[in-house]
Amino acid sequence: MFAKGTDFPDVLSGGPLAARYHAPILLTPPDRMDSGVQSYLNHTQEKDFYYILGGTGSISTEVEKQLDATIQ
């Protein structure tokens, strides 16, 4: 799950979903992929699916494109 790392409502609302799937919530700025998140995605084997929490004001379509490219 991806959420904006500078505001808490999206992260809090994603807590139950993260618990349900035993998945991390990855925090990133809204306009670019955080380097730590990128590193995590490059090394994890868990790439089946993801959820983006919040709208395009929280996570831009550019970050979504970077995410798609990373998990392919």
PDB file of N, CA and C in Angstrom:
ATOM      1  N   MET A   1       0.825  -1.153   0.000  1.00  0.00           N
ATOM      2  CA  MET A   1       0.000   0.000   0.000  1.00  0.00           C
ATOM      3  C   MET A   1       0.879   1.229   0.000  1.00  0.00           C
ATOM      4  N   PHE A   2       0.468   2.221  -0.728  1.00  0.00           N
ATOM      5  CA  PHE A   2       1.213   3.455  -0.824  1.00  0.00           C
ATOM      6  C   PHE A   2       0.376   4.592  -0.285  1.00  0.00           C
ATOM      7  N   ALA A   3       1.009   5.446   0.491  1.00  0.00           N
ATOM      8  CA  ALA A   3       0.317   6.598   1.067  1.00  0.00           C
ATOM      9  C   ALA A   3       1.275   7.771   1.117  1.00  0.00           C
ATOM     10  N   LYS A   4       0.703   8.953   1.106  1.00  0.00           N
ATOM     11  CA  LYS A   4       1.492  10.180   1.222  1.00  0.00           C
ATOM     12  C   LYS A   4       2.134  10.208   2.597  1.00  0.00           C
ATOM     13  N   GLY A   5       3.424  10.443   2.619  1.00  0.00           N
ATOM     14  CA  GLY A   5       4.160  10.405   3.869  1.00  0.00           C
ATOM     15  C   GLY A   5       4.122  11.670   4.686  1.00  0.00           C
ATOM     16  N   THR A   6       3.380  12.674   4.236  1.00  0.00           N
ATOM     17  CA  THR A   6       3.374  13.949   4.955  1.00  0.00           C
ATOM     18  C   THR A   6       2.036  14.248   5.613  1.00  0.00           C
ATOM     19  N   ASP A   7       1.094  13.327   5.560  1.00  0.00           N
ATOM     20  CA  ASP A   7      -0.224  13.552   6.139  1.00  0.00           C
ATOM     21  C   ASP A   7      -0.755  12.205   6.632  1.00  0.00           C
ATOM     22  N   PHE A   8      -1.448  12.189   7.726  1.00  0.00           N
ATOM     23  CA  PHE A   8      -1.798  10.921   8.363  1.00  0.00           C
ATOM     24  C   PHE A   8      -3.145  10.297   8.003  1.00  0.00           C
ATOM     25  N   PRO A   9      -4.170  10.992   7.513  1.00  0.00           N
ATOM     26  CA  PRO A   9      -5.467  10.334   7.318  1.00  0.00           C
ATOM     27  C   PRO A   9      -5.436   9.135   6.370  1.00  0.00           C
ATOM     28  N   ASP A  10      -4.721   9.250   5.249  1.00  0.00           N
ATOM     29  CA  ASP A  10      -4.656   8.127   4.310  1.00  0.00           C
ATOM     30  C   ASP A  10      -3.987   6.912   4.952  1.00  0.00           C
ATOM     31  N   VAL A  11      -2.931   7.169   5.699  1.00  0.00           N
ATOM     32  CA  VAL A  11      -2.211   6.075   6.353  1.00  0.00           C
ATOM     33  C   VAL A  11      -3.100   5.393   7.387  1.00  0.00           C
ATOM     34  N   LEU A  12      -3.789   6.179   8.202  1.00  0.00           N
ATOM     35  CA  LEU A  12      -4.668   5.599   9.217  1.00  0.00           C
ATOM     36  C   LEU A  12      -5.790   4.780   8.599  1.00  0.00           C
ATOM     37  N   SER A  13      -6.359   5.278   7.524  1.00  0.00           N
ATOM     38  CA  SER A  13      -7.452   4.539   6.895  1.00  0.00           C
ATOM     39  C   SER A  13      -6.964   3.246   6.261  1.00  0.00           C
ATOM     40  N   GLY A  14      -5.692   3.175   5.904  1.00  0.00           N
ATOM     41  CA  GLY A  14      -5.141   1.960   5.297  1.00  0.00           C
ATOM     42  C   GLY A  14      -4.698   0.917   6.295  1.00  0.00           C
ATOM     43  N   GLY A  15      -4.674   1.248   7.573  1.00  0.00           N
ATOM     44  CA  GLY A  15      -4.221   0.302   8.600  1.00  0.00           C
ATOM     45  C   GLY A  15      -4.965  -1.020   8.596  1.00  0.00           C
ATOM     46  N   PRO A  16      -6.293  -1.017   8.610  1.00  0.00           N
ATOM     47  CA  PRO A  16      -7.016  -2.292   8.597  1.00  0.00           C
ATOM     48  C   PRO A  16      -6.755  -3.127   7.329  1.00  0.00           C
ATOM     49  N   LEU A  17      -6.629  -2.454   6.196  1.00  0.00           N
ATOM     50  CA  LEU A  17      -6.343  -3.173   4.951  1.00  0.00           C
ATOM     51  C   LEU A  17      -4.947  -3.793   5.003  1.00  0.00           C
ATOM     52  N   ALA A  18      -3.986  -3.049   5.522  1.00  0.00           N
ATOM     53  CA  ALA A  18      -2.628  -3.573   5.665  1.00  0.00           C
ATOM     54  C   ALA A  18      -2.602  -4.776   6.601  1.00  0.00           C
ATOM     55  N   ALA A  19      -3.356  -4.696   7.680  1.00  0.00           N
ATOM     56  CA  ALA A  19      -3.420  -5.822   8.622  1.00  0.00           C
ATOM     57  C   ALA A  19      -4.070  -7.033   7.971  1.00  0.00           C
ATOM     58  N   ARG A  20      -5.106  -6.814   7.199  1.00  0.00           N
ATOM     59  CA  ARG A  20      -5.813  -7.914   6.533  1.00  0.00           C
ATOM     60  C   ARG A  20      -4.888  -8.693   5.608  1.00  0.00           C
ATOM     61  N   TYR A  21      -4.037  -7.989   4.867  1.00  0.00           N
ATOM     62  CA  TYR A  21      -3.150  -8.636   3.896  1.00  0.00           C
ATOM     63  C   TYR A  21      -1.721  -8.824   4.416  1.00  0.00           C
ATOM     64  N   HIS A  22      -1.495  -8.490   5.678  1.00  0.00           N
ATOM     65  CA  HIS A  22      -0.143  -8.589   6.259  1.00  0.00           C
ATOM     66  C   HIS A  22       0.856  -7.869   5.358  1.00  0.00           C
ATOM     67  N   ALA A  23       0.497  -6.654   4.978  1.00  0.00           N
ATOM     68  CA  ALA A  23       1.281  -5.887   4.014  1.00  0.00           C
ATOM     69  C   ALA A  23       1.785  -4.593   4.642  1.00  0.00           C
ATOM     70  N   PRO A  24       2.914  -4.111   4.151  1.00  0.00           N
ATOM     71  CA  PRO A  24       3.420  -2.831   4.658  1.00  0.00           C
ATOM     72  C   PRO A  24       2.660  -1.662   4.037  1.00  0.00           C
ATOM     73  N   ILE A  25       2.697  -0.546   4.710  1.00  0.00           N
ATOM     74  CA  ILE A  25       2.249   0.708   4.131  1.00  0.00           C
ATOM     75  C   ILE A  25       3.518   1.492   3.811  1.00  0.00           C
ATOM     76  N   LEU A  26       3.723   1.765   2.546  1.00  0.00           N
ATOM     77  CA  LEU A  26       4.929   2.447   2.094  1.00  0.00           C
ATOM     78  C   LEU A  26       4.615   3.925   1.899  1.00  0.00           C
ATOM     79  N   LEU A  27       5.372   4.774   2.562  1.00  0.00           N
ATOM     80  CA  LEU A  27       5.146   6.219   2.530  1.00  0.00           C
ATOM     81  C   LEU A  27       6.060   6.867   1.506  1.00  0.00           C
ATOM     82  N   THR A  28       5.488   7.725   0.687  1.00  0.00           N
ATOM     83  CA  THR A  28       6.262   8.390  -0.352  1.00  0.00           C
ATOM     84  C   THR A  28       5.732   9.805  -0.554  1.00  0.00           C
ATOM     85  N   PRO A  29       6.578  10.726  -1.009  1.00  0.00           N
ATOM     86  CA  PRO A  29       6.064  12.051  -1.349  1.00  0.00           C
ATOM     87  C   PRO A  29       5.041  11.932  -2.487  1.00  0.00           C
ATOM     88  N   PRO A  30       4.148  12.887  -2.608  1.00  0.00           N
ATOM     89  CA  PRO A  30       3.108  12.776  -3.629  1.00  0.00           C
ATOM     90  C   PRO A  30       3.622  12.902  -5.063  1.00  0.00           C
ATOM     91  N   ASP A  31       4.784  13.517  -5.268  1.00  0.00           N
ATOM     92  CA  ASP A  31       5.226  13.819  -6.626  1.00  0.00           C
ATOM     93  C   ASP A  31       6.401  12.993  -7.131  1.00  0.00           C
ATOM     94  N   ARG A  32       6.950  12.112  -6.296  1.00  0.00           N
ATOM     95  CA  ARG A  32       8.085  11.274  -6.719  1.00  0.00           C
ATOM     96  C   ARG A  32       8.169  10.058  -5.818  1.00  0.00           C
ATOM     97  N   MET A  33       8.759   9.002  -6.333  1.00  0.00           N
ATOM     98  CA  MET A  33       8.919   7.777  -5.555  1.00  0.00           C
ATOM     99  C   MET A  33      10.067   7.966  -4.569  1.00  0.00           C
ATOM    100  N   ASP A  34       9.813   7.715  -3.302  1.00  0.00           N
ATOM    101  CA  ASP A  34      10.838   7.788  -2.262  1.00  0.00           C
ATOM    102  C   ASP A  34      11.921   6.756  -2.560  1.00  0.00           C
ATOM    103  N   SER A  35      13.188   7.102  -2.372  1.00  0.00           N
ATOM    104  CA  SER A  35      14.289   6.179  -2.692  1.00  0.00           C
ATOM    105  C   SER A  35      14.259   4.924  -1.819  1.00  0.00           C
ATOM    106  N   GLY A  36      13.836   5.045  -0.575  1.00  0.00           N
ATOM    107  CA  GLY A  36      13.717   3.865   0.288  1.00  0.00           C
ATOM    108  C   GLY A  36      12.616   2.932  -0.175  1.00  0.00           C
ATOM    109  N   VAL A  37      11.508   3.498  -0.633  1.00  0.00           N
ATOM    110  CA  VAL A  37      10.406   2.695  -1.177  1.00  0.00           C
ATOM    111  C   VAL A  37      10.878   2.004  -2.449  1.00  0.00           C
ATOM    112  N   GLN A  38      11.575   2.730  -3.312  1.00  0.00           N
ATOM    113  CA  GLN A  38      12.098   2.158  -4.552  1.00  0.00           C
ATOM    114  C   GLN A  38      13.029   0.987  -4.247  1.00  0.00           C
ATOM    115  N   SER A  39      13.906   1.170  -3.285  1.00  0.00           N
ATOM    116  CA  SER A  39      14.831   0.112  -2.890  1.00  0.00           C
ATOM    117  C   SER A  39      14.072  -1.111  -2.366  1.00  0.00           C
ATOM    118  N   TYR A  40      13.079  -0.875  -1.523  1.00  0.00           N
ATOM    119  CA  TYR A  40      12.269  -1.976  -0.995  1.00  0.00           C
ATOM    120  C   TYR A  40      11.605  -2.747  -2.137  1.00  0.00           C
ATOM    121  N   LEU A  41      11.015  -2.032  -3.078  1.00  0.00           N
ATOM    122  CA  LEU A  41      10.323  -2.688  -4.184  1.00  0.00           C
ATOM    123  C   LEU A  41      11.283  -3.470  -5.079  1.00  0.00           C
ATOM    124  N   ASN A  42      12.500  -2.964  -5.226  1.00  0.00           N
ATOM    125  CA  ASN A  42      13.487  -3.670  -6.044  1.00  0.00           C
ATOM    126  C   ASN A  42      13.944  -4.976  -5.408  1.00  0.00           C
ATOM    127  N   HIS A  43      13.810  -5.089  -4.082  1.00  0.00           N
ATOM    128  CA  HIS A  43      14.335  -6.265  -3.389  1.00  0.00           C
ATOM    129  C   HIS A  43      13.273  -7.224  -2.859  1.00  0.00           C
ATOM    130  N   THR A  44      12.018  -6.820  -2.848  1.00  0.00           N
ATOM    131  CA  THR A  44      10.983  -7.698  -2.310  1.00  0.00           C
ATOM    132  C   THR A  44      10.481  -8.661  -3.391  1.00  0.00           C
ATOM    133  N   GLN A  45      10.059  -9.803  -2.950  1.00  0.00           N
ATOM    134  CA  GLN A  45       9.467 -10.781  -3.863  1.00  0.00           C
ATOM    135  C   GLN A  45       7.954 -10.611  -3.951  1.00  0.00           C
ATOM    136  N   GLU A  46       7.385  -9.874  -3.026  1.00  0.00           N
ATOM    137  CA  GLU A  46       5.932  -9.680  -2.961  1.00  0.00           C
ATOM    138  C   GLU A  46       5.519  -8.545  -3.888  1.00  0.00           C
ATOM    139  N   LYS A  47       5.121  -8.883  -5.089  1.00  0.00           N
ATOM    140  CA  LYS A  47       4.740  -7.866  -6.065  1.00  0.00           C
ATOM    141  C   LYS A  47       3.431  -8.236  -6.761  1.00  0.00           C
ATOM    142  N   ASP A  48       2.550  -8.921  -6.052  1.00  0.00           N
ATOM    143  CA  ASP A  48       1.308  -9.382  -6.666  1.00  0.00           C
ATOM    144  C   ASP A  48       0.337  -8.248  -6.948  1.00  0.00           C
ATOM    145  N   PHE A  49       0.175  -7.347  -6.010  1.00  0.00           N
ATOM    146  CA  PHE A  49      -0.769  -6.243  -6.165  1.00  0.00           C
ATOM    147  C   PHE A  49      -0.427  -5.146  -5.183  1.00  0.00           C
ATOM    148  N   TYR A  50      -1.042  -4.000  -5.386  1.00  0.00           N
ATOM    149  CA  TYR A  50      -0.840  -2.888  -4.468  1.00  0.00           C
ATOM    150  C   TYR A  50      -2.095  -2.033  -4.443  1.00  0.00           C
ATOM    151  N   TYR A  51      -2.225  -1.254  -3.402  1.00  0.00           N
ATOM    152  CA  TYR A  51      -3.282  -0.269  -3.255  1.00  0.00           C
ATOM    153  C   TYR A  51      -2.625   1.088  -3.086  1.00  0.00           C
ATOM    154  N   ILE A  52      -3.192   2.087  -3.722  1.00  0.00           N
ATOM    155  CA  ILE A  52      -2.745   3.460  -3.520  1.00  0.00           C
ATOM    156  C   ILE A  52      -3.809   4.138  -2.671  1.00  0.00           C
ATOM    157  N   LEU A  53      -3.397   4.659  -1.536  1.00  0.00           N
ATOM    158  CA  LEU A  53      -4.328   5.296  -0.602  1.00  0.00           C
ATOM    159  C   LEU A  53      -4.397   6.785  -0.865  1.00  0.00           C
ATOM    160  N   GLY A  54      -5.585   7.292  -1.051  1.00  0.00           N
ATOM    161  CA  GLY A  54      -5.787   8.702  -1.357  1.00  0.00           C
ATOM    162  C   GLY A  54      -5.894   8.896  -2.862  1.00  0.00           C
ATOM    163  N   GLY A  55      -6.225  10.081  -3.270  1.00  0.00           N
ATOM    164  CA  GLY A  55      -6.363  10.396  -4.683  1.00  0.00           C
ATOM    165  C   GLY A  55      -5.052  10.883  -5.278  1.00  0.00           C
ATOM    166  N   THR A  56      -5.137  11.487  -6.451  1.00  0.00           N
ATOM    167  CA  THR A  56      -3.934  11.968  -7.129  1.00  0.00           C
ATOM    168  C   THR A  56      -3.283  13.137  -6.394  1.00  0.00           C
ATOM    169  N   GLY A  57      -3.992  13.758  -5.479  1.00  0.00           N
ATOM    170  CA  GLY A  57      -3.378  14.777  -4.632  1.00  0.00           C
ATOM    171  C   GLY A  57      -2.462  14.169  -3.586  1.00  0.00           C
ATOM    172  N   SER A  58      -2.684  12.910  -3.265  1.00  0.00           N
ATOM    173  CA  SER A  58      -1.845  12.204  -2.298  1.00  0.00           C
ATOM    174  C   SER A  58      -0.694  11.476  -2.980  1.00  0.00           C
ATOM    175  N   ILE A  59      -0.996  10.783  -4.058  1.00  0.00           N
ATOM    176  CA  ILE A  59       0.012  10.056  -4.841  1.00  0.00           C
ATOM    177  C   ILE A  59      -0.258  10.389  -6.308  1.00  0.00           C
ATOM    178  N   SER A  60       0.684  11.051  -6.958  1.00  0.00           N
ATOM    179  CA  SER A  60       0.474  11.509  -8.333  1.00  0.00           C
ATOM    180  C   SER A  60       0.459  10.341  -9.323  1.00  0.00           C
ATOM    181  N   THR A  61      -0.060  10.614 -10.493  1.00  0.00           N
ATOM    182  CA  THR A  61      -0.053   9.588 -11.545  1.00  0.00           C
ATOM    183  C   THR A  61       1.371   9.257 -11.964  1.00  0.00           C
ATOM    184  N   GLU A  62       2.298  10.185 -11.816  1.00  0.00           N
ATOM    185  CA  GLU A  62       3.707   9.909 -12.131  1.00  0.00           C
ATOM    186  C   GLU A  62       4.274   8.845 -11.186  1.00  0.00           C
ATOM    187  N   VAL A  63       3.952   8.947  -9.909  1.00  0.00           N
ATOM    188  CA  VAL A  63       4.398   7.932  -8.946  1.00  0.00           C
ATOM    189  C   VAL A  63       3.746   6.593  -9.286  1.00  0.00           C
ATOM    190  N   GLU A  64       2.489   6.620  -9.669  1.00  0.00           N
ATOM    191  CA  GLU A  64       1.811   5.381 -10.051  1.00  0.00           C
ATOM    192  C   GLU A  64       2.496   4.741 -11.262  1.00  0.00           C
ATOM    193  N   LYS A  65       2.910   5.537 -12.229  1.00  0.00           N
ATOM    194  CA  LYS A  65       3.630   5.010 -13.398  1.00  0.00           C
ATOM    195  C   LYS A  65       4.969   4.398 -12.976  1.00  0.00           C
ATOM    196  N   GLN A  66       5.680   5.080 -12.078  1.00  0.00           N
ATOM    197  CA  GLN A  66       6.947   4.544 -11.570  1.00  0.00           C
ATOM    198  C   GLN A  66       6.717   3.232 -10.853  1.00  0.00           C
ATOM    199  N   LEU A  67       5.644   3.143 -10.094  1.00  0.00           N
ATOM    200  CA  LEU A  67       5.298   1.931  -9.378  1.00  0.00           C
ATOM    201  C   LEU A  67       5.007   0.796 -10.354  1.00  0.00           C
ATOM    202  N   ASP A  68       4.196   1.070 -11.355  1.00  0.00           N
ATOM    203  CA  ASP A  68       3.892   0.052 -12.364  1.00  0.00           C
ATOM    204  C   ASP A  68       5.149  -0.467 -13.039  1.00  0.00           C
ATOM    205  N   ALA A  69       6.054   0.435 -13.382  1.00  0.00           N
ATOM    206  CA  ALA A  69       7.302   0.047 -14.040  1.00  0.00           C
ATOM    207  C   ALA A  69       8.179  -0.797 -13.124  1.00  0.00           C
ATOM    208  N   THR A  70       8.149  -0.514 -11.841  1.00  0.00           N
ATOM    209  CA  THR A  70       9.007  -1.227 -10.888  1.00  0.00           C
ATOM    210  C   THR A  70       8.518  -2.637 -10.629  1.00  0.00           C
ATOM    211  N   ILE A  71       7.217  -2.842 -10.570  1.00  0.00           N
ATOM    212  CA  ILE A  71       6.715  -4.162 -10.194  1.00  0.00           C
ATOM    213  C   ILE A  71       6.470  -5.081 -11.384  1.00  0.00           C
ATOM    214  N   GLN A  72       6.701  -4.617 -12.584  1.00  0.00           N
ATOM    215  CA  GLN A  72       6.506  -5.462 -13.771  1.00  0.00           C
ATOM    216  C   GLN A  72       7.518  -6.563 -13.829  1.00  0.00           C
TER     217      GLN A  72
END
